[in-house]
Amino acid sequence: MPKPIDYDALLKDFITDFFPEFIAFADPELYDAIDWSRGYTFLEQELINALRGKFKIRGKRKFTDKLVRVYLKTGAEHLVFIHAEFQHQPEVGFGRRMYEYRALIGLRYGVEDISAIAVFTGAPPSMEERSYQRTTFKTRIQYDFISIVAVQEKEQELIDASDNPFAIALLAALYAYQSKKQPKLRLKLKSKLFELARSKKMPFDKILKLLIFVRDFVNLPQTFENEFRETQYYLTFPKTEAMTISKGTKEFAAGLYEHVFGYDPAVALEEERKQYKELLEKERQKAEEERLKAEEERLKAEEERQKAEEERHRMEAERQRTVLYFHETLQMPATEIAEVLNLDLTYIEGLISALEDKNEG
């Protein structure tokens, strides 16, 4: 069985790789206000460590929430809290959770200026969950944050904005949602995404990360994935018969890939093949065990059937001996034998008749 897709983690990693582009899409005003020359720092792990044991942070979310420190052109420090969420169905209490996290972050870092952005790539949340409101008599809380809902974005608007790679990421989420349980449609849409991504002018490492995100997020059944690879991989990295790739070039390419993505693709592929072989062997052993178990149960059932048949014959022979004893030795008529043994009179008469025919013969 293939591993389930962790859509939240995929999107979180994408935002890590394309943080400026993400901000430019989510909040252009904030993008213009940030002094990008001072860089930015991811703080989510630091936040998790600080809050661990003090506040309840549900398992997956401590990995998919992002907290980033930036500096504005005014010189002020600013925090950006980002939550990536793939929902199979809308969640109750999401707005309140966003408010609570904002409060915890403000207390932890002593910063009031915090931008909050939620990105939904699955089922759309209700409008009530895209903010948090609480009124107690004359005290009122109103907390609003940016909500980006992929499935409610307009396809053409995302295509028009696709010079920003995050627009393509949202388009991937939109297409994945639209093509659920429709592998042929999903193959077509995934190919469309690759073609769109290839048309953009971006550094090689950026375009490669974008293509890998699309490949993983818009997942296909293996047969369709093979078809996708045969066409799109060739178009992305075309080669001719005359092209000669030296060992040194291959090593350089592998080293570049490892530098960009943190792992050697050849090692990863070998590990994947190993795991696939192990999976096949486990499935084979399981199938063999099930076959042996089924054969064992069949033999057992056959043995029980034979025993039941033998018992039936034994009881029939015993019944016939009893009937013959009553008829020959005790000279009882058929009606009395049937009554005493609680047997059908026709059966008794037939048995006696067969006996008499046998004796006459």
Protein backbone atom coordinates (compact mmCIF):
# COMPACT_ATOMS: atom_id res chain seq x y z
CA MET A 1 0.00 0.00 0.00
CA PRO A 2 1.38 3.46 -0.89
CA LYS A 3 1.98 5.88 1.96
CA PRO A 4 -0.76 8.50 2.44
CA ILE A 5 0.08 11.97 1.13
CA ASP A 6 0.87 14.54 3.84
CA TYR A 7 -0.58 17.54 2.02
CA ASP A 8 -0.03 19.91 4.95
CA ALA A 9 3.68 19.09 5.13
CA LEU A 10 4.05 19.46 1.35
CA LEU A 11 2.53 22.93 1.47
CA LYS A 12 4.56 23.92 4.54
CA ASP A 13 7.80 22.95 2.78
CA PHE A 14 6.67 24.84 -0.31
CA ILE A 15 6.05 28.01 1.71
CA THR A 16 9.49 27.59 3.28
CA ASP A 17 11.08 27.48 -0.18
CA PHE A 18 8.95 30.29 -1.63
CA PHE A 19 8.28 32.51 1.39
CA PRO A 20 8.68 35.92 -0.34
CA GLU A 21 6.51 34.79 -3.24
CA PHE A 22 3.92 33.48 -0.77
CA ILE A 23 3.75 36.83 1.03
CA ALA A 24 3.52 38.68 -2.29
CA PHE A 25 0.45 36.59 -3.15
CA ALA A 26 -1.19 36.55 0.29
CA ASP A 27 -0.62 40.16 1.36
CA PRO A 28 0.95 42.52 -1.24
CA GLU A 29 0.82 45.41 1.23
CA LEU A 30 2.90 43.44 3.75
CA TYR A 31 5.30 42.36 1.00
CA ASP A 32 5.95 45.98 0.05
CA ALA A 33 6.46 46.93 3.72
CA ILE A 34 9.09 44.23 4.44
CA ASP A 35 12.79 45.05 4.19
CA TRP A 36 13.80 41.91 2.31
CA SER A 37 17.46 42.90 2.37
CA ARG A 38 17.53 41.98 6.08
CA GLY A 39 16.36 38.46 5.38
CA TYR A 40 13.89 36.48 7.46
CA THR A 41 14.06 33.79 10.15
CA PHE A 42 11.84 30.76 10.69
CA LEU A 43 10.93 30.43 14.37
CA GLU A 44 8.31 27.68 14.52
CA GLN A 45 10.61 25.06 16.08
CA GLU A 46 11.73 27.58 18.68
CA LEU A 47 8.09 28.32 19.43
CA ILE A 48 7.25 24.64 19.77
CA ASN A 49 10.14 24.10 22.21
CA ALA A 50 9.10 27.13 24.27
CA LEU A 51 5.46 26.10 24.54
CA ARG A 52 5.97 22.36 24.96
CA GLY A 53 4.53 21.24 28.30
CA LYS A 54 2.78 24.59 28.84
CA PHE A 55 0.14 24.52 26.16
CA LYS A 56 -1.53 21.73 24.27
CA ILE A 57 -0.35 21.66 20.67
CA ARG A 58 -1.91 18.87 18.65
CA GLY A 59 0.60 16.53 16.99
CA LYS A 60 0.49 17.36 13.29
CA ARG A 61 -0.01 21.10 13.70
CA LYS A 62 3.27 21.68 15.49
CA PHE A 63 4.94 20.65 12.24
CA THR A 64 2.65 22.44 9.78
CA ASP A 65 2.37 25.85 11.47
CA LYS A 66 5.04 28.35 10.48
CA LEU A 67 6.27 31.42 12.34
CA VAL A 68 8.59 33.82 10.55
CA ARG A 69 10.40 36.91 11.81
CA VAL A 70 10.80 39.71 9.29
CA TYR A 71 11.79 43.37 9.56
CA LEU A 72 9.80 46.19 8.09
CA LYS A 73 11.33 49.09 6.20
CA THR A 74 10.55 51.19 9.28
CA GLY A 75 13.02 49.00 11.20
CA ALA A 76 10.30 47.39 13.31
CA GLU A 77 10.24 43.66 13.95
CA HIS A 78 7.21 41.84 12.57
CA LEU A 79 6.02 38.24 12.92
CA VAL A 80 4.12 36.24 10.32
CA PHE A 81 2.14 33.22 11.53
CA ILE A 82 1.10 30.79 8.78
CA HIS A 83 -1.12 27.75 9.13
CA ALA A 84 -1.39 25.18 6.33
CA GLU A 85 -4.49 23.02 6.52
CA PHE A 86 -5.80 20.18 4.35
CA GLN A 87 -9.30 19.33 5.53
CA HIS A 88 -11.38 16.37 4.41
CA GLN A 89 -14.30 18.17 5.98
CA PRO A 90 -14.64 21.62 7.61
CA GLU A 91 -13.32 21.86 11.16
CA VAL A 92 -15.27 23.38 14.02
CA GLY A 93 -13.32 25.79 16.22
CA PHE A 94 -10.62 26.72 13.71
CA GLY A 95 -11.10 30.49 14.13
CA ARG A 96 -10.75 30.21 17.89
CA ARG A 97 -7.58 28.16 17.52
CA MET A 98 -6.04 30.81 15.26
CA TYR A 99 -6.89 33.43 17.89
CA GLU A 100 -5.37 31.36 20.71
CA TYR A 101 -2.15 30.81 18.76
CA ARG A 102 -1.87 34.50 18.03
CA ALA A 103 -2.24 35.19 21.77
CA LEU A 104 0.42 32.60 22.66
CA ILE A 105 2.85 34.00 20.08
CA GLY A 106 2.31 37.55 21.31
CA LEU A 107 2.99 36.50 24.92
CA ARG A 108 6.05 34.45 23.98
CA TYR A 109 7.79 37.10 21.91
CA GLY A 110 6.32 40.29 23.34
CA VAL A 111 5.33 41.43 19.84
CA GLU A 112 2.01 43.03 18.99
CA ASP A 113 2.52 43.25 15.23
CA ILE A 114 1.66 39.75 14.00
CA SER A 115 0.21 38.89 10.61
CA ALA A 116 -1.76 35.65 10.45
CA ILE A 117 -2.48 33.68 7.28
CA ALA A 118 -4.40 30.40 6.94
CA VAL A 119 -4.13 28.35 3.75
CA PHE A 120 -6.78 25.70 3.08
CA THR A 121 -6.09 23.14 0.35
CA GLY A 122 -8.95 20.70 0.96
CA ALA A 123 -12.59 21.16 1.87
CA PRO A 124 -13.42 24.86 2.28
CA PRO A 125 -14.04 26.11 5.83
CA SER A 126 -17.29 27.83 6.73
CA MET A 127 -17.30 31.63 6.75
CA GLU A 128 -17.74 31.56 10.54
CA GLU A 129 -14.36 29.80 10.92
CA ARG A 130 -12.45 32.44 8.93
CA SER A 131 -12.42 34.81 11.88
CA TYR A 132 -13.04 34.67 15.60
CA GLN A 133 -15.74 36.59 17.43
CA ARG A 134 -16.73 36.46 21.07
CA THR A 135 -19.16 38.72 22.89
CA THR A 136 -19.69 38.66 26.65
CA PHE A 137 -22.16 41.30 27.69
CA LYS A 138 -20.45 44.52 26.52
CA THR A 139 -17.03 42.96 26.01
CA ARG A 140 -16.33 41.94 22.43
CA ILE A 141 -13.42 40.17 20.68
CA GLN A 142 -13.07 40.44 16.92
CA TYR A 143 -10.05 38.68 15.35
CA ASP A 144 -9.64 38.58 11.58
CA PHE A 145 -6.91 36.84 9.62
CA ILE A 146 -6.18 36.18 5.97
CA SER A 147 -7.82 33.01 4.64
CA ILE A 148 -6.69 31.57 1.32
CA VAL A 149 -9.05 28.80 0.18
CA ALA A 150 -7.60 27.00 -2.84
CA VAL A 151 -10.84 25.39 -4.02
CA GLN A 152 -12.59 28.76 -4.09
CA GLU A 153 -9.93 30.47 -6.19
CA LYS A 154 -10.74 31.21 -9.82
CA GLU A 155 -8.77 28.98 -12.19
CA GLN A 156 -8.11 31.68 -14.79
CA GLU A 157 -7.07 34.21 -12.14
CA LEU A 158 -4.50 31.74 -10.80
CA ILE A 159 -3.21 31.09 -14.32
CA ASP A 160 -2.95 34.85 -14.91
CA ALA A 161 -1.00 35.18 -11.63
CA SER A 162 1.20 32.12 -12.28
CA ASP A 163 4.42 34.12 -12.60
CA ASN A 164 4.18 33.75 -8.82
CA PRO A 165 4.88 30.04 -8.07
CA PHE A 166 2.45 30.08 -5.15
CA ALA A 167 -0.39 30.65 -7.63
CA ILE A 168 0.66 27.41 -9.35
CA ALA A 169 0.70 25.65 -5.96
CA LEU A 170 -2.88 26.80 -5.33
CA LEU A 171 -3.83 25.73 -8.83
CA ALA A 172 -2.39 22.27 -8.03
CA ALA A 173 -4.57 22.10 -4.91
CA LEU A 174 -7.61 23.25 -6.89
CA TYR A 175 -7.01 20.64 -9.62
CA ALA A 176 -6.40 17.88 -7.06
CA TYR A 177 -9.73 18.72 -5.40
CA GLN A 178 -11.62 18.91 -8.70
CA SER A 179 -10.27 15.56 -9.95
CA LYS A 180 -10.90 13.36 -6.92
CA LYS A 181 -11.56 9.77 -8.08
CA GLN A 182 -11.05 10.86 -11.71
CA PRO A 183 -7.54 9.70 -12.62
CA LYS A 184 -7.86 10.49 -16.33
CA LEU A 185 -8.89 14.07 -15.60
CA ARG A 186 -6.18 14.37 -12.95
CA LEU A 187 -3.53 13.18 -15.42
CA LYS A 188 -4.66 15.86 -17.87
CA LEU A 189 -4.63 18.60 -15.21
CA LYS A 190 -1.27 17.51 -13.81
CA SER A 191 0.26 17.66 -17.28
CA LYS A 192 -1.27 21.12 -17.70
CA LEU A 193 0.40 22.24 -14.47
CA PHE A 194 3.80 20.95 -15.59
CA GLU A 195 3.46 22.75 -18.90
CA LEU A 196 2.49 25.96 -17.11
CA ALA A 197 5.38 25.68 -14.64
CA ARG A 198 7.92 24.98 -17.40
CA SER A 199 6.89 28.17 -19.18
CA LYS A 200 7.98 30.37 -16.26
CA LYS A 201 11.35 32.06 -16.04
CA MET A 202 12.73 31.00 -12.68
CA PRO A 203 16.10 29.75 -11.41
CA PHE A 204 16.65 26.04 -11.99
CA ASP A 205 16.38 25.09 -8.33
CA LYS A 206 13.10 27.00 -7.99
CA ILE A 207 11.50 25.45 -11.06
CA LEU A 208 12.62 22.00 -9.95
CA LYS A 209 11.11 22.45 -6.48
CA LEU A 210 7.88 23.70 -8.03
CA LEU A 211 7.67 20.69 -10.35
CA ILE A 212 8.36 18.28 -7.50
CA PHE A 213 5.61 19.90 -5.42
CA VAL A 214 3.13 19.47 -8.29
CA ARG A 215 4.28 15.89 -8.84
CA ASP A 216 3.72 14.94 -5.19
CA PHE A 217 0.60 17.00 -4.42
CA VAL A 218 -1.38 15.98 -7.50
CA ASN A 219 -0.76 12.27 -6.96
CA LEU A 220 -1.87 9.65 -9.46
CA PRO A 221 -2.45 5.87 -9.40
CA GLN A 222 0.78 4.13 -10.46
CA THR A 223 -0.38 3.29 -14.00
CA PHE A 224 -1.29 6.90 -14.74
CA GLU A 225 1.84 8.15 -12.97
CA ASN A 226 3.94 6.00 -15.30
CA GLU A 227 2.18 7.52 -18.29
CA PHE A 228 2.74 10.99 -16.86
CA ARG A 229 6.46 10.36 -16.41
CA GLU A 230 6.89 9.04 -19.93
CA THR A 231 5.60 12.30 -21.36
CA GLN A 232 6.25 15.14 -18.92
CA TYR A 233 9.67 14.08 -17.65
CA TYR A 234 10.93 13.90 -21.21
CA LEU A 235 9.52 17.36 -21.97
CA THR A 236 11.02 18.79 -18.78
CA PHE A 237 14.46 17.25 -19.26
CA PRO A 238 14.69 16.43 -22.98
CA LYS A 239 17.68 14.50 -24.34
CA THR A 240 18.69 13.22 -27.75
CA GLU A 241 20.48 10.11 -28.93
CA ALA A 242 23.57 12.21 -29.56
CA MET A 243 23.71 13.46 -25.97
CA THR A 244 26.54 11.89 -23.95
CA ILE A 245 26.52 12.27 -20.18
CA SER A 246 29.79 11.57 -18.43
CA LYS A 247 30.09 10.03 -14.99
CA GLY A 248 31.38 13.32 -13.68
CA THR A 249 28.33 15.16 -15.03
CA LYS A 250 26.00 12.63 -13.40
CA GLU A 251 27.83 13.00 -10.08
CA PHE A 252 27.65 16.78 -10.36
CA ALA A 253 23.91 16.65 -11.09
CA ALA A 254 23.35 14.30 -8.15
CA GLY A 255 25.38 16.60 -5.90
CA LEU A 256 23.39 19.63 -7.04
CA TYR A 257 20.13 17.82 -6.37
CA GLU A 258 21.31 16.81 -2.90
CA HIS A 259 22.40 20.38 -2.18
CA VAL A 260 19.01 21.76 -3.23
CA PHE A 261 16.71 19.09 -1.77
CA GLY A 262 18.80 17.55 1.00
CA TYR A 263 19.09 13.99 -0.31
CA ASP A 264 20.74 11.98 -3.07
CA PRO A 265 18.08 10.90 -5.62
CA ALA A 266 19.99 7.71 -6.49
CA VAL A 267 20.13 6.67 -2.84
CA ALA A 268 16.48 7.58 -2.39
CA LEU A 269 15.52 5.62 -5.49
CA GLU A 270 17.48 2.58 -4.32
CA GLU A 271 15.80 2.79 -0.93
CA GLU A 272 12.42 3.11 -2.63
CA ARG A 273 13.16 0.04 -4.75
CA LYS A 274 14.26 -1.86 -1.66
CA GLN A 275 11.09 -0.94 0.17
CA TYR A 276 9.03 -1.90 -2.88
CA LYS A 277 10.73 -5.32 -3.06
CA GLU A 278 10.16 -5.85 0.64
CA LEU A 279 6.53 -4.86 0.21
CA LEU A 280 6.13 -7.30 -2.69
CA GLU A 281 7.74 -10.08 -0.65
CA LYS A 282 5.44 -9.36 2.29
CA GLU A 283 2.43 -9.40 -0.01
CA ARG A 284 3.62 -12.67 -1.56
CA GLN A 285 4.12 -14.25 1.86
CA LYS A 286 0.74 -12.98 2.98
CA ALA A 287 -0.94 -14.39 -0.13
CA GLU A 288 0.81 -17.74 0.39
CA GLU A 289 -0.25 -17.83 4.04
CA GLU A 290 -3.82 -17.07 3.04
CA ARG A 291 -3.70 -19.77 0.36
CA LEU A 292 -2.39 -22.35 2.84
CA LYS A 293 -4.97 -21.30 5.39
CA ALA A 294 -7.77 -21.59 2.81
CA GLU A 295 -6.50 -25.05 1.76
CA GLU A 296 -6.32 -26.11 5.40
CA GLU A 297 -9.89 -24.92 5.97
CA ARG A 298 -11.04 -26.71 2.80
CA LEU A 299 -9.47 -29.99 3.95
CA LYS A 300 -10.95 -29.57 7.38
CA ALA A 301 -14.40 -28.94 5.90
CA GLU A 302 -14.03 -32.00 3.64
CA GLU A 303 -12.99 -34.12 6.61
CA GLU A 304 -15.99 -32.94 8.61
CA ARG A 305 -18.27 -33.64 5.62
CA GLN A 306 -16.92 -37.19 5.33
CA LYS A 307 -17.37 -37.75 9.06
CA ALA A 308 -20.93 -36.49 8.85
CA GLU A 309 -21.60 -38.77 5.86
CA GLU A 310 -20.16 -41.76 7.71
CA GLU A 311 -22.25 -40.94 10.75
CA ARG A 312 -25.35 -40.68 8.58
CA HIS A 313 -24.66 -44.11 7.07
CA ARG A 314 -24.00 -45.59 10.52
CA MET A 315 -27.25 -44.22 11.92
CA GLU A 316 -29.19 -45.44 8.87
CA ALA A 317 -27.73 -48.94 9.25
CA GLU A 318 -28.55 -48.92 12.97
CA ARG A 319 -32.11 -47.80 12.23
CA GLN A 320 -32.57 -50.55 9.64
CA ARG A 321 -31.29 -53.20 12.06
CA THR A 322 -33.74 -52.00 14.69
CA VAL A 323 -36.67 -52.05 12.29
CA LEU A 324 -35.79 -55.55 11.10
CA TYR A 325 -35.43 -56.76 14.69
CA PHE A 326 -38.89 -55.45 15.61
CA HIS A 327 -40.40 -56.96 12.45
CA GLU A 328 -38.71 -60.37 12.35
CA THR A 329 -37.98 -61.16 15.98
CA LEU A 330 -40.82 -59.39 17.78
CA GLN A 331 -43.31 -59.80 14.91
CA MET A 332 -44.50 -56.19 15.27
CA PRO A 333 -46.59 -54.71 12.43
CA ALA A 334 -45.28 -51.75 10.47
CA THR A 335 -47.72 -49.28 12.10
CA GLU A 336 -46.49 -50.12 15.61
CA ILE A 337 -42.82 -49.97 14.58
CA ALA A 338 -43.39 -46.52 13.06
CA GLU A 339 -45.10 -45.33 16.23
CA VAL A 340 -42.48 -46.77 18.60
CA LEU A 341 -39.50 -45.43 16.64
CA ASN A 342 -41.26 -42.20 15.62
CA LEU A 343 -40.48 -42.89 11.96
CA ASP A 344 -42.47 -42.38 8.79
CA LEU A 345 -44.80 -45.32 8.08
CA THR A 346 -43.94 -45.28 4.38
CA TYR A 347 -40.26 -45.61 5.24
CA ILE A 348 -40.98 -48.62 7.53
CA GLU A 349 -43.16 -50.33 4.93
CA GLY A 350 -40.58 -49.79 2.20
CA LEU A 351 -37.84 -51.26 4.37
CA ILE A 352 -39.94 -54.34 5.25
CA SER A 353 -40.91 -54.79 1.60
CA ALA A 354 -37.27 -54.66 0.52
CA LEU A 355 -36.43 -57.28 3.16
CA GLU A 356 -39.20 -59.62 1.98
CA ASP A 357 -38.12 -59.23 -1.68
CA LYS A 358 -34.58 -60.08 -0.64
CA ASN A 359 -35.70 -63.18 1.26
CA GLU A 360 -37.87 -64.37 -1.66
CA GLY A 361 -35.01 -63.88 -4.08
